[in-house]
């Protein structure tokens, strides 16, 4: 009788352990499923906020882009504009937001020549010129980017002025993100000389700053 009682105690303990193990496995699977669902929901939410900047279409209307010193540039659809004086170098682009969220422009970096390297990375974020005002490009609509150099003694001023006056190809990296301050992206645009004074825009590459790149 003692042996039988001992066997029942052992069986009961093993059954309890097995039940606990099954419960733990079920809990683990449930947590993993919930985490996966949360990640999917988060990605869907972020996709709804994500902007993607591209050159505007050639049939988009021209835009008048003003600077703080009352200088104005006219940007045609799909084109950039530039002007160099003794005191400033003005640059502007006509853009369109192909993404689902509002694009908030943060900064920019000018390469005074054409950059075509497939493996070439953008410059460090700290090297970008910060915009002095927020520029918004609504989803599915057009907007603009503008930048200016105002220090004639700076090397980048001289390089930019030379490129504009020679009407040669240039490259602009634009840093922007969603209206929540996240999902920062760098898009590279090519200024391709056309005619005597125009620069046709080309969207070259997109780099994700706050998340993994798709490539």
Foldseek 3Di string as FASTA:
>chain_A
DVVVVVVVVVVVVVVVVVVVVVVVVVVVVVVVVVVVVVVVVVVVVVQLQWWDKFQFAQPDAWDWDADPVGDIDIEGGQWKAWDADLFKIKIKGKMAIQGNHKKKWFFKDKFLADDDDPPDDDDDPVPTGGDPDIFIHGHGGMGMDMDMDGDNVDPVSVSNNVSQVVQHKMKMWIWITGPVPDFIKIWMWIFHGDDDGITGIGTHDMDTDHDHDPD
